[in-house]
Amino acid sequence: MPSQPPDEYPRSASRLLLAMSRSHAGWSARHVDTLLVGFGFTRRDSGAHTFYRHPARPELALAVPRTRRLRPYLVADAVRLVGRLLATEPQERT
């Protein structure tokens, strides 16, 4: 994952990405929502989960339960998903 996300994304999402990549513990579903929506993912609520999918890259998807504290592996999955998105963007711009 790049050390700094491109400037085209909101600063709040970029700062969250850096903080979440350092520590996966102690984050809420609201934090993950800010991260993923900030990087262009769409949100759909269904039952006890919120589903995120990127419109340009539909294979990038994640289901997040709506709980107060998320398990660290879910936060790691969200960070990894954004990292995969950022890794493919330079290829699409050229």
C-alpha atoms as a PDB file:
ATOM      1  CA  MET A   1       0.000   0.000   0.000  1.00  0.00           C
ATOM      2  CA  PRO A   2       1.342   3.458  -0.817  1.00  0.00           C
ATOM      3  CA  SER A   3       2.505   5.596   2.088  1.00  0.00           C
ATOM      4  CA  GLN A   4       0.242   8.470   1.010  1.00  0.00           C
ATOM      5  CA  PRO A   5      -3.028   8.034  -0.918  1.00  0.00           C
ATOM      6  CA  PRO A   6      -3.555  10.340  -3.914  1.00  0.00           C
ATOM      7  CA  ASP A   7      -4.886  13.840  -3.172  1.00  0.00           C
ATOM      8  CA  GLU A   8      -8.132  13.210  -5.051  1.00  0.00           C
ATOM      9  CA  TYR A   9      -9.633  11.479  -1.988  1.00  0.00           C
ATOM     10  CA  PRO A  10     -10.996  13.266   1.097  1.00  0.00           C
ATOM     11  CA  ARG A  11      -8.391  13.976   3.720  1.00  0.00           C
ATOM     12  CA  SER A  12     -10.468  12.281   6.432  1.00  0.00           C
ATOM     13  CA  ALA A  13     -10.505   9.012   4.492  1.00  0.00           C
ATOM     14  CA  SER A  14      -6.778   9.232   3.755  1.00  0.00           C
ATOM     15  CA  ARG A  15      -5.933   9.868   7.408  1.00  0.00           C
ATOM     16  CA  LEU A  16      -8.169   7.009   8.515  1.00  0.00           C
ATOM     17  CA  LEU A  17      -6.467   4.673   6.050  1.00  0.00           C
ATOM     18  CA  LEU A  18      -3.047   5.474   7.494  1.00  0.00           C
ATOM     19  CA  ALA A  19      -4.251   5.113  11.098  1.00  0.00           C
ATOM     20  CA  MET A  20      -6.130   1.876  10.422  1.00  0.00           C
ATOM     21  CA  SER A  21      -3.145   0.379   8.636  1.00  0.00           C
ATOM     22  CA  ARG A  22      -1.057   0.933  11.790  1.00  0.00           C
ATOM     23  CA  SER A  23      -3.560  -0.644  14.202  1.00  0.00           C
ATOM     24  CA  HIS A  24      -6.584  -2.773  13.361  1.00  0.00           C
ATOM     25  CA  ALA A  25      -8.067  -2.809  16.881  1.00  0.00           C
ATOM     26  CA  GLY A  26     -10.643  -0.456  18.393  1.00  0.00           C
ATOM     27  CA  TRP A  27     -12.424   0.779  15.254  1.00  0.00           C
ATOM     28  CA  SER A  28     -16.189   0.986  14.765  1.00  0.00           C
ATOM     29  CA  ALA A  29     -18.407   0.341  11.763  1.00  0.00           C
ATOM     30  CA  ARG A  30     -18.784   4.116  11.404  1.00  0.00           C
ATOM     31  CA  HIS A  31     -15.017   4.489  10.945  1.00  0.00           C
ATOM     32  CA  VAL A  32     -14.979   1.782   8.260  1.00  0.00           C
ATOM     33  CA  ASP A  33     -17.939   3.509   6.594  1.00  0.00           C
ATOM     34  CA  THR A  34     -16.044   6.821   6.478  1.00  0.00           C
ATOM     35  CA  LEU A  35     -13.014   5.055   5.018  1.00  0.00           C
ATOM     36  CA  LEU A  36     -14.796   3.092   2.298  1.00  0.00           C
ATOM     37  CA  VAL A  37     -17.292   5.780   1.244  1.00  0.00           C
ATOM     38  CA  GLY A  38     -14.439   8.285   1.162  1.00  0.00           C
ATOM     39  CA  PHE A  39     -12.623   6.075  -1.344  1.00  0.00           C
ATOM     40  CA  GLY A  40     -15.662   5.827  -3.611  1.00  0.00           C
ATOM     41  CA  PHE A  41     -17.388   2.654  -2.423  1.00  0.00           C
ATOM     42  CA  THR A  42     -21.184   2.545  -2.454  1.00  0.00           C
ATOM     43  CA  ARG A  43     -23.106   1.430   0.626  1.00  0.00           C
ATOM     44  CA  ARG A  44     -26.156  -0.842   0.871  1.00  0.00           C
ATOM     45  CA  ASP A  45     -27.804  -1.795   4.167  1.00  0.00           C
ATOM     46  CA  SER A  46     -29.398  -5.207   4.462  1.00  0.00           C
ATOM     47  CA  GLY A  47     -30.320  -6.895   7.719  1.00  0.00           C
ATOM     48  CA  ALA A  48     -27.535  -6.725  10.282  1.00  0.00           C
ATOM     49  CA  HIS A  49     -24.820  -5.917   7.736  1.00  0.00           C
ATOM     50  CA  THR A  50     -23.760  -3.062   5.498  1.00  0.00           C
ATOM     51  CA  PHE A  51     -22.418  -4.082   2.094  1.00  0.00           C
ATOM     52  CA  TYR A  52     -19.802  -2.009   0.289  1.00  0.00           C
ATOM     53  CA  ARG A  53     -18.894  -2.315  -3.390  1.00  0.00           C
ATOM     54  CA  HIS A  54     -16.793  -0.114  -5.652  1.00  0.00           C
ATOM     55  CA  PRO A  55     -18.747   0.963  -8.779  1.00  0.00           C
ATOM     56  CA  ALA A  56     -15.725   0.873 -11.105  1.00  0.00           C
ATOM     57  CA  ARG A  57     -14.322  -2.374  -9.638  1.00  0.00           C
ATOM     58  CA  PRO A  58     -17.283  -4.594  -8.619  1.00  0.00           C
ATOM     59  CA  GLU A  59     -14.957  -7.387  -7.476  1.00  0.00           C
ATOM     60  CA  LEU A  60     -13.899  -5.120  -4.588  1.00  0.00           C
ATOM     61  CA  ALA A  61     -16.624  -5.767  -2.033  1.00  0.00           C
ATOM     62  CA  LEU A  62     -16.945  -6.159   1.735  1.00  0.00           C
ATOM     63  CA  ALA A  63     -19.757  -6.987   4.194  1.00  0.00           C
ATOM     64  CA  VAL A  64     -19.479  -5.248   7.577  1.00  0.00           C
ATOM     65  CA  PRO A  65     -21.721  -6.070  10.560  1.00  0.00           C
ATOM     66  CA  ARG A  66     -23.284  -3.113  12.326  1.00  0.00           C
ATOM     67  CA  THR A  67     -21.734  -3.539  15.770  1.00  0.00           C
ATOM     68  CA  ARG A  68     -20.144  -1.084  18.174  1.00  0.00           C
ATOM     69  CA  ARG A  69     -16.623  -2.522  17.865  1.00  0.00           C
ATOM     70  CA  LEU A  70     -15.430  -4.436  14.854  1.00  0.00           C
ATOM     71  CA  ARG A  71     -13.130  -7.414  14.955  1.00  0.00           C
ATOM     72  CA  PRO A  72      -9.592  -6.483  13.894  1.00  0.00           C
ATOM     73  CA  TYR A  73      -9.705  -8.819  10.884  1.00  0.00           C
ATOM     74  CA  LEU A  74     -12.627  -6.822   9.398  1.00  0.00           C
ATOM     75  CA  VAL A  75     -10.678  -3.579   9.705  1.00  0.00           C
ATOM     76  CA  ALA A  76      -7.672  -5.309   8.109  1.00  0.00           C
ATOM     77  CA  ASP A  77      -9.938  -6.469   5.258  1.00  0.00           C
ATOM     78  CA  ALA A  78     -11.172  -2.899   4.693  1.00  0.00           C
ATOM     79  CA  VAL A  79      -7.603  -1.543   4.624  1.00  0.00           C
ATOM     80  CA  ARG A  80      -6.546  -4.322   2.237  1.00  0.00           C
ATOM     81  CA  LEU A  81      -9.536  -3.556  -0.025  1.00  0.00           C
ATOM     82  CA  VAL A  82      -8.597   0.126  -0.289  1.00  0.00           C
ATOM     83  CA  GLY A  83      -4.988  -0.895  -0.891  1.00  0.00           C
ATOM     84  CA  ARG A  84      -6.071  -3.076  -3.806  1.00  0.00           C
ATOM     85  CA  LEU A  85      -8.068  -0.151  -5.220  1.00  0.00           C
ATOM     86  CA  LEU A  86      -5.111   2.224  -4.936  1.00  0.00           C
ATOM     87  CA  ALA A  87      -2.743  -0.352  -6.447  1.00  0.00           C
ATOM     88  CA  THR A  88      -4.855  -0.627  -9.622  1.00  0.00           C
ATOM     89  CA  GLU A  89      -5.455   3.111 -10.115  1.00  0.00           C
ATOM     90  CA  PRO A  90      -2.051   4.033 -11.622  1.00  0.00           C
ATOM     91  CA  GLN A  91      -2.580   1.333 -14.265  1.00  0.00           C
ATOM     92  CA  GLU A  92      -5.983   2.789 -15.191  1.00  0.00           C
ATOM     93  CA  ARG A  93      -4.665   6.372 -15.521  1.00  0.00           C
ATOM     94  CA  THR A  94      -1.999   5.530 -18.116  1.00  0.00           C
END
